[in-house]
Amino acid sequence: MRIADVMTRDLPTADPQASIRDAAREMRRTGIRALPVCDGPRLVGIVTDWDLVEALAGEDDPGGQSLADFMSTDLVAVPPDATLTDAAEVMAEREVHHLLVRDGDRLEGMVHLDVEWSQLSSAGGPPVASFTAAI
């Protein structure tokens, strides 16, 4: 089975120049915990619920600041034809819960895996994963 068979498609996205407050509102409105950031058709970043926590925990009020100031740009992604095993291995290696699926620079979808990576460190390899549609 390929990751394209289980990924969530047609995700909401945010522009890198949008405010972090607008991104948080979109995440709340859609009930998602990670929001891909696209500059036109090109995937340039991702903002997660943890990024929002980090932004708000600082001394300054980030509400009006650009999303580009807070998004992660070291993207963890696989192509749509990656196997589920390959995707699980990438997620375990990078210890991420949200895996972007992209074709070149274009966002195709995303998957979410709800695991606690620290609990798996003694397991000796990537988990047998069950991907969820809820992002």
N, C-alpha and C. Protein backbone atom coordinates (compact mmCIF):
# COMPACT_ATOMS: atom_id res chain seq x y z
N MET A 1 0.85 -1.18 0.00
CA MET A 1 0.00 0.00 0.00
C MET A 1 0.89 1.24 0.00
N ARG A 2 0.45 2.26 -0.68
CA ARG A 2 1.20 3.51 -0.81
C ARG A 2 0.60 4.58 0.11
N ILE A 3 1.44 5.55 0.45
CA ILE A 3 0.99 6.62 1.33
C ILE A 3 -0.14 7.42 0.67
N ALA A 4 -0.15 7.50 -0.65
CA ALA A 4 -1.22 8.22 -1.36
C ALA A 4 -2.58 7.58 -1.11
N ASP A 5 -2.59 6.30 -0.74
CA ASP A 5 -3.85 5.61 -0.49
C ASP A 5 -4.49 6.00 0.84
N VAL A 6 -3.70 6.54 1.76
CA VAL A 6 -4.24 6.85 3.10
C VAL A 6 -4.11 8.33 3.48
N MET A 7 -3.43 9.12 2.68
CA MET A 7 -3.19 10.52 3.05
C MET A 7 -4.48 11.34 2.95
N THR A 8 -4.49 12.42 3.70
CA THR A 8 -5.56 13.41 3.60
C THR A 8 -5.19 14.36 2.49
N ARG A 9 -6.14 14.55 1.58
CA ARG A 9 -5.93 15.46 0.45
C ARG A 9 -6.73 16.75 0.68
N ASP A 10 -6.58 17.69 -0.19
CA ASP A 10 -7.35 18.93 -0.14
C ASP A 10 -7.30 19.58 1.24
N LEU A 11 -6.10 19.74 1.74
CA LEU A 11 -5.89 20.36 3.04
C LEU A 11 -5.98 21.87 2.96
N PRO A 12 -6.40 22.50 4.04
CA PRO A 12 -6.27 23.95 4.08
C PRO A 12 -4.78 24.28 4.13
N THR A 13 -4.40 25.40 3.58
CA THR A 13 -3.02 25.86 3.63
C THR A 13 -3.02 27.32 4.05
N ALA A 14 -1.84 27.79 4.40
CA ALA A 14 -1.68 29.20 4.76
C ALA A 14 -0.58 29.79 3.91
N ASP A 15 -0.66 31.08 3.70
CA ASP A 15 0.37 31.84 3.00
C ASP A 15 1.45 32.21 4.03
N PRO A 16 2.72 32.20 3.65
CA PRO A 16 3.77 32.53 4.63
C PRO A 16 3.67 33.95 5.18
N GLN A 17 2.97 34.84 4.48
CA GLN A 17 2.83 36.21 4.96
C GLN A 17 1.61 36.40 5.85
N ALA A 18 0.79 35.36 5.99
CA ALA A 18 -0.36 35.44 6.89
C ALA A 18 0.15 35.58 8.33
N SER A 19 -0.67 36.12 9.20
CA SER A 19 -0.25 36.25 10.60
C SER A 19 -0.38 34.90 11.29
N ILE A 20 0.39 34.72 12.34
CA ILE A 20 0.31 33.48 13.10
C ILE A 20 -1.08 33.36 13.74
N ARG A 21 -1.69 34.49 14.06
CA ARG A 21 -3.05 34.46 14.61
C ARG A 21 -4.04 33.91 13.57
N ASP A 22 -3.90 34.34 12.32
CA ASP A 22 -4.78 33.81 11.26
C ASP A 22 -4.58 32.31 11.08
N ALA A 23 -3.34 31.86 11.16
CA ALA A 23 -3.06 30.42 11.03
C ALA A 23 -3.70 29.66 12.19
N ALA A 24 -3.58 30.19 13.40
CA ALA A 24 -4.18 29.54 14.57
C ALA A 24 -5.70 29.47 14.43
N ARG A 25 -6.28 30.53 13.95
CA ARG A 25 -7.74 30.54 13.75
C ARG A 25 -8.16 29.51 12.71
N GLU A 26 -7.39 29.39 11.64
CA GLU A 26 -7.69 28.39 10.60
C GLU A 26 -7.55 26.97 11.17
N MET A 27 -6.54 26.75 11.99
CA MET A 27 -6.35 25.44 12.60
C MET A 27 -7.52 25.12 13.54
N ARG A 28 -7.97 26.10 14.28
CA ARG A 28 -9.11 25.88 15.17
C ARG A 28 -10.38 25.64 14.37
N ARG A 29 -10.59 26.44 13.33
CA ARG A 29 -11.80 26.32 12.51
C ARG A 29 -11.90 24.95 11.87
N THR A 30 -10.79 24.44 11.38
CA THR A 30 -10.80 23.16 10.66
C THR A 30 -10.49 21.96 11.55
N GLY A 31 -10.10 22.20 12.80
CA GLY A 31 -9.82 21.12 13.72
C GLY A 31 -8.55 20.35 13.42
N ILE A 32 -7.57 21.02 12.80
CA ILE A 32 -6.31 20.35 12.48
C ILE A 32 -5.21 20.79 13.42
N ARG A 33 -4.15 19.98 13.51
CA ARG A 33 -3.03 20.28 14.40
C ARG A 33 -1.76 20.67 13.64
N ALA A 34 -1.83 20.64 12.30
CA ALA A 34 -0.69 21.05 11.48
C ALA A 34 -1.23 21.66 10.20
N LEU A 35 -0.63 22.76 9.80
CA LEU A 35 -1.10 23.51 8.65
C LEU A 35 0.05 23.71 7.67
N PRO A 36 -0.04 23.12 6.47
CA PRO A 36 1.00 23.35 5.48
C PRO A 36 1.01 24.82 5.05
N VAL A 37 2.19 25.33 4.77
CA VAL A 37 2.35 26.71 4.34
C VAL A 37 2.84 26.69 2.89
N CYS A 38 2.08 27.35 2.03
CA CYS A 38 2.39 27.34 0.59
C CYS A 38 2.50 28.76 0.07
N ASP A 39 3.51 28.97 -0.74
CA ASP A 39 3.67 30.23 -1.47
C ASP A 39 3.21 29.95 -2.89
N GLY A 40 1.95 30.27 -3.16
CA GLY A 40 1.33 29.86 -4.42
C GLY A 40 1.22 28.35 -4.41
N PRO A 41 1.66 27.68 -5.46
CA PRO A 41 1.57 26.22 -5.49
C PRO A 41 2.74 25.51 -4.79
N ARG A 42 3.74 26.28 -4.35
CA ARG A 42 4.97 25.71 -3.79
C ARG A 42 4.89 25.56 -2.27
N LEU A 43 5.10 24.34 -1.78
CA LEU A 43 5.15 24.05 -0.35
C LEU A 43 6.43 24.63 0.22
N VAL A 44 6.31 25.50 1.23
CA VAL A 44 7.50 26.16 1.79
C VAL A 44 7.67 25.93 3.28
N GLY A 45 6.65 25.38 3.96
CA GLY A 45 6.78 25.19 5.39
C GLY A 45 5.58 24.49 5.97
N ILE A 46 5.61 24.35 7.29
CA ILE A 46 4.50 23.78 8.03
C ILE A 46 4.48 24.46 9.40
N VAL A 47 3.31 24.69 9.92
CA VAL A 47 3.16 25.20 11.27
C VAL A 47 2.29 24.20 12.03
N THR A 48 2.73 23.85 13.22
CA THR A 48 2.02 22.88 14.04
C THR A 48 1.50 23.53 15.30
N ASP A 49 0.67 22.79 16.01
CA ASP A 49 0.18 23.30 17.28
C ASP A 49 1.34 23.61 18.23
N TRP A 50 2.41 22.83 18.16
CA TRP A 50 3.57 23.09 19.01
C TRP A 50 4.26 24.39 18.61
N ASP A 51 4.31 24.70 17.33
CA ASP A 51 4.87 25.98 16.89
C ASP A 51 4.09 27.15 17.47
N LEU A 52 2.77 26.99 17.56
CA LEU A 52 1.93 28.04 18.14
C LEU A 52 2.23 28.20 19.63
N VAL A 53 2.41 27.10 20.33
CA VAL A 53 2.76 27.16 21.76
C VAL A 53 4.09 27.89 21.93
N GLU A 54 5.07 27.51 21.13
CA GLU A 54 6.39 28.16 21.21
C GLU A 54 6.29 29.66 20.94
N ALA A 55 5.50 30.05 19.96
CA ALA A 55 5.35 31.46 19.63
C ALA A 55 4.70 32.23 20.77
N LEU A 56 3.68 31.65 21.36
CA LEU A 56 2.96 32.34 22.43
C LEU A 56 3.69 32.34 23.76
N ALA A 57 4.61 31.43 23.94
CA ALA A 57 5.35 31.35 25.20
C ALA A 57 6.46 32.40 25.29
N GLY A 58 6.76 33.06 24.20
CA GLY A 58 7.80 34.08 24.19
C GLY A 58 7.35 35.36 24.90
N GLU A 59 8.25 36.27 25.01
CA GLU A 59 7.99 37.52 25.72
C GLU A 59 7.12 38.49 24.92
N ASP A 60 7.24 38.47 23.60
CA ASP A 60 6.51 39.42 22.76
C ASP A 60 5.17 38.83 22.34
N ASP A 61 4.24 39.72 21.96
CA ASP A 61 2.96 39.28 21.43
C ASP A 61 3.14 38.99 19.95
N PRO A 62 3.05 37.71 19.54
CA PRO A 62 3.31 37.35 18.15
C PRO A 62 2.08 37.44 17.25
N GLY A 63 0.93 37.81 17.79
CA GLY A 63 -0.33 37.73 17.06
C GLY A 63 -0.32 38.32 15.67
N GLY A 64 0.36 39.41 15.46
CA GLY A 64 0.37 40.04 14.16
C GLY A 64 1.58 39.70 13.32
N GLN A 65 2.51 38.91 13.87
CA GLN A 65 3.72 38.58 13.13
C GLN A 65 3.43 37.58 12.02
N SER A 66 4.28 37.61 11.03
CA SER A 66 4.15 36.73 9.87
C SER A 66 4.38 35.27 10.25
N LEU A 67 3.62 34.41 9.61
CA LEU A 67 3.77 32.97 9.81
C LEU A 67 5.17 32.51 9.43
N ALA A 68 5.79 33.17 8.48
CA ALA A 68 7.15 32.82 8.06
C ALA A 68 8.14 32.89 9.21
N ASP A 69 7.84 33.70 10.24
CA ASP A 69 8.73 33.82 11.40
C ASP A 69 8.67 32.60 12.32
N PHE A 70 7.64 31.77 12.19
CA PHE A 70 7.42 30.68 13.13
C PHE A 70 7.35 29.30 12.49
N MET A 71 7.12 29.23 11.20
CA MET A 71 6.92 27.94 10.55
C MET A 71 8.22 27.15 10.48
N SER A 72 8.10 25.85 10.40
CA SER A 72 9.25 24.98 10.19
C SER A 72 9.49 24.89 8.69
N THR A 73 10.74 25.04 8.30
CA THR A 73 11.09 24.94 6.88
C THR A 73 11.92 23.70 6.57
N ASP A 74 12.36 23.00 7.60
CA ASP A 74 13.07 21.74 7.42
C ASP A 74 11.99 20.66 7.28
N LEU A 75 11.45 20.56 6.09
CA LEU A 75 10.26 19.74 5.85
C LEU A 75 10.58 18.25 5.81
N VAL A 76 9.74 17.49 6.49
CA VAL A 76 9.84 16.04 6.46
C VAL A 76 8.71 15.58 5.54
N ALA A 77 9.10 15.00 4.41
CA ALA A 77 8.11 14.66 3.39
C ALA A 77 8.53 13.41 2.63
N VAL A 78 7.54 12.78 2.04
CA VAL A 78 7.76 11.64 1.16
C VAL A 78 6.95 11.86 -0.11
N PRO A 79 7.32 11.17 -1.19
CA PRO A 79 6.52 11.25 -2.41
C PRO A 79 5.26 10.40 -2.28
N PRO A 80 4.24 10.67 -3.09
CA PRO A 80 2.98 9.93 -3.00
C PRO A 80 3.12 8.42 -3.20
N ASP A 81 4.16 7.99 -3.90
CA ASP A 81 4.32 6.55 -4.14
C ASP A 81 5.13 5.84 -3.05
N ALA A 82 5.48 6.54 -1.97
CA ALA A 82 6.19 5.90 -0.86
C ALA A 82 5.29 4.85 -0.21
N THR A 83 5.89 3.78 0.25
CA THR A 83 5.12 2.75 0.94
C THR A 83 4.81 3.20 2.36
N LEU A 84 3.84 2.56 2.98
CA LEU A 84 3.52 2.89 4.37
C LEU A 84 4.71 2.59 5.27
N THR A 85 5.42 1.53 4.99
CA THR A 85 6.61 1.19 5.78
C THR A 85 7.66 2.28 5.65
N ASP A 86 7.91 2.74 4.42
CA ASP A 86 8.88 3.82 4.21
C ASP A 86 8.46 5.08 4.97
N ALA A 87 7.18 5.41 4.90
CA ALA A 87 6.67 6.61 5.58
C ALA A 87 6.85 6.48 7.09
N ALA A 88 6.52 5.31 7.64
CA ALA A 88 6.67 5.10 9.08
C ALA A 88 8.13 5.21 9.50
N GLU A 89 9.03 4.70 8.68
CA GLU A 89 10.46 4.79 8.99
C GLU A 89 10.94 6.23 8.99
N VAL A 90 10.50 7.02 8.02
CA VAL A 90 10.88 8.44 7.96
C VAL A 90 10.34 9.16 9.20
N MET A 91 9.10 8.89 9.56
CA MET A 91 8.50 9.55 10.73
C MET A 91 9.22 9.16 12.01
N ALA A 92 9.59 7.88 12.14
CA ALA A 92 10.30 7.42 13.33
C ALA A 92 11.70 8.03 13.40
N GLU A 93 12.38 8.06 12.27
CA GLU A 93 13.73 8.61 12.22
C GLU A 93 13.75 10.08 12.60
N ARG A 94 12.78 10.85 12.10
CA ARG A 94 12.72 12.29 12.36
C ARG A 94 11.84 12.64 13.57
N GLU A 95 11.17 11.63 14.14
CA GLU A 95 10.30 11.80 15.31
C GLU A 95 9.27 12.90 15.09
N VAL A 96 8.52 12.75 13.99
CA VAL A 96 7.45 13.69 13.68
C VAL A 96 6.11 12.96 13.68
N HIS A 97 5.07 13.70 13.93
CA HIS A 97 3.71 13.16 13.93
C HIS A 97 2.97 13.47 12.63
N HIS A 98 3.42 14.49 11.93
CA HIS A 98 2.78 14.90 10.68
C HIS A 98 3.78 14.74 9.55
N LEU A 99 3.39 13.99 8.55
CA LEU A 99 4.26 13.75 7.42
C LEU A 99 3.63 14.34 6.17
N LEU A 100 4.35 15.27 5.56
CA LEU A 100 3.89 15.88 4.33
C LEU A 100 4.12 14.92 3.17
N VAL A 101 3.21 14.94 2.24
CA VAL A 101 3.35 14.16 1.01
C VAL A 101 3.42 15.18 -0.10
N ARG A 102 4.52 15.13 -0.85
CA ARG A 102 4.69 16.13 -1.90
C ARG A 102 5.29 15.50 -3.16
N ASP A 103 4.95 16.13 -4.25
CA ASP A 103 5.49 15.76 -5.55
C ASP A 103 6.34 16.94 -5.98
N GLY A 104 7.65 16.82 -5.85
CA GLY A 104 8.53 17.97 -6.07
C GLY A 104 8.27 19.00 -4.99
N ASP A 105 7.92 20.22 -5.38
CA ASP A 105 7.60 21.28 -4.42
C ASP A 105 6.11 21.42 -4.18
N ARG A 106 5.30 20.58 -4.80
CA ARG A 106 3.85 20.70 -4.71
C ARG A 106 3.27 19.77 -3.64
N LEU A 107 2.46 20.35 -2.76
CA LEU A 107 1.80 19.58 -1.71
C LEU A 107 0.75 18.66 -2.31
N GLU A 108 0.81 17.40 -1.95
CA GLU A 108 -0.18 16.42 -2.39
C GLU A 108 -1.12 16.03 -1.24
N GLY A 109 -0.61 16.04 -0.01
CA GLY A 109 -1.42 15.65 1.14
C GLY A 109 -0.57 15.55 2.39
N MET A 110 -1.14 14.94 3.42
CA MET A 110 -0.44 14.79 4.69
C MET A 110 -1.05 13.62 5.44
N VAL A 111 -0.23 12.99 6.27
CA VAL A 111 -0.70 11.94 7.16
C VAL A 111 -0.30 12.30 8.58
N HIS A 112 -1.01 11.73 9.52
CA HIS A 112 -0.75 11.94 10.94
C HIS A 112 -0.60 10.58 11.60
N LEU A 113 0.39 10.47 12.45
CA LEU A 113 0.59 9.25 13.21
C LEU A 113 0.69 9.64 14.67
N ASP A 114 -0.21 9.15 15.49
CA ASP A 114 -0.26 9.55 16.89
C ASP A 114 0.49 8.53 17.74
N VAL A 115 1.79 8.79 17.93
CA VAL A 115 2.62 7.93 18.77
C VAL A 115 3.48 8.81 19.65
N GLU A 116 3.97 8.25 20.74
CA GLU A 116 4.93 8.93 21.58
C GLU A 116 6.29 8.32 21.28
N TRP A 117 7.13 9.04 20.54
CA TRP A 117 8.38 8.48 20.05
C TRP A 117 9.29 8.04 21.18
N SER A 118 9.31 8.74 22.29
CA SER A 118 10.21 8.36 23.39
C SER A 118 9.86 6.98 23.95
N GLN A 119 8.62 6.58 23.87
CA GLN A 119 8.21 5.26 24.36
C GLN A 119 8.66 4.15 23.41
N LEU A 120 9.00 4.50 22.19
CA LEU A 120 9.39 3.50 21.21
C LEU A 120 10.90 3.34 21.08
N SER A 121 11.67 4.15 21.81
CA SER A 121 13.12 4.14 21.63
C SER A 121 13.73 2.79 21.95
N SER A 122 13.16 2.04 22.85
CA SER A 122 13.71 0.73 23.20
C SER A 122 13.14 -0.38 22.34
N ALA A 123 12.22 -0.06 21.44
CA ALA A 123 11.58 -1.08 20.62
C ALA A 123 12.49 -1.59 19.51
N GLY A 124 13.54 -0.83 19.18
CA GLY A 124 14.49 -1.29 18.19
C GLY A 124 14.04 -1.19 16.76
N GLY A 125 13.37 -0.13 16.38
CA GLY A 125 12.95 0.05 15.00
C GLY A 125 11.68 0.84 14.92
N PRO A 126 11.27 1.13 13.70
CA PRO A 126 10.05 1.92 13.53
C PRO A 126 8.83 1.13 13.96
N PRO A 127 7.81 1.84 14.41
CA PRO A 127 6.61 1.15 14.85
C PRO A 127 5.83 0.57 13.69
N VAL A 128 5.02 -0.40 13.99
CA VAL A 128 4.03 -0.83 13.02
C VAL A 128 2.95 0.22 13.11
N ALA A 129 2.78 0.99 12.05
CA ALA A 129 1.99 2.20 12.12
C ALA A 129 0.60 2.02 11.57
N SER A 130 -0.29 2.74 12.17
CA SER A 130 -1.63 2.88 11.61
C SER A 130 -1.85 4.37 11.44
N PHE A 131 -1.94 4.80 10.21
CA PHE A 131 -2.07 6.21 9.89
C PHE A 131 -3.52 6.63 10.03
N THR A 132 -3.73 7.84 10.52
CA THR A 132 -5.07 8.33 10.70
C THR A 132 -5.35 9.45 9.71
N ALA A 133 -6.61 9.63 9.40
CA ALA A 133 -6.99 10.71 8.49
C ALA A 133 -7.02 12.05 9.20
N ALA A 134 -7.23 12.05 10.51
CA ALA A 134 -7.30 13.31 11.26
C ALA A 134 -5.93 13.96 11.30
N ILE A 135 -5.84 15.14 10.76
CA ILE A 135 -4.58 15.87 10.75
C ILE A 135 -4.63 16.82 11.90
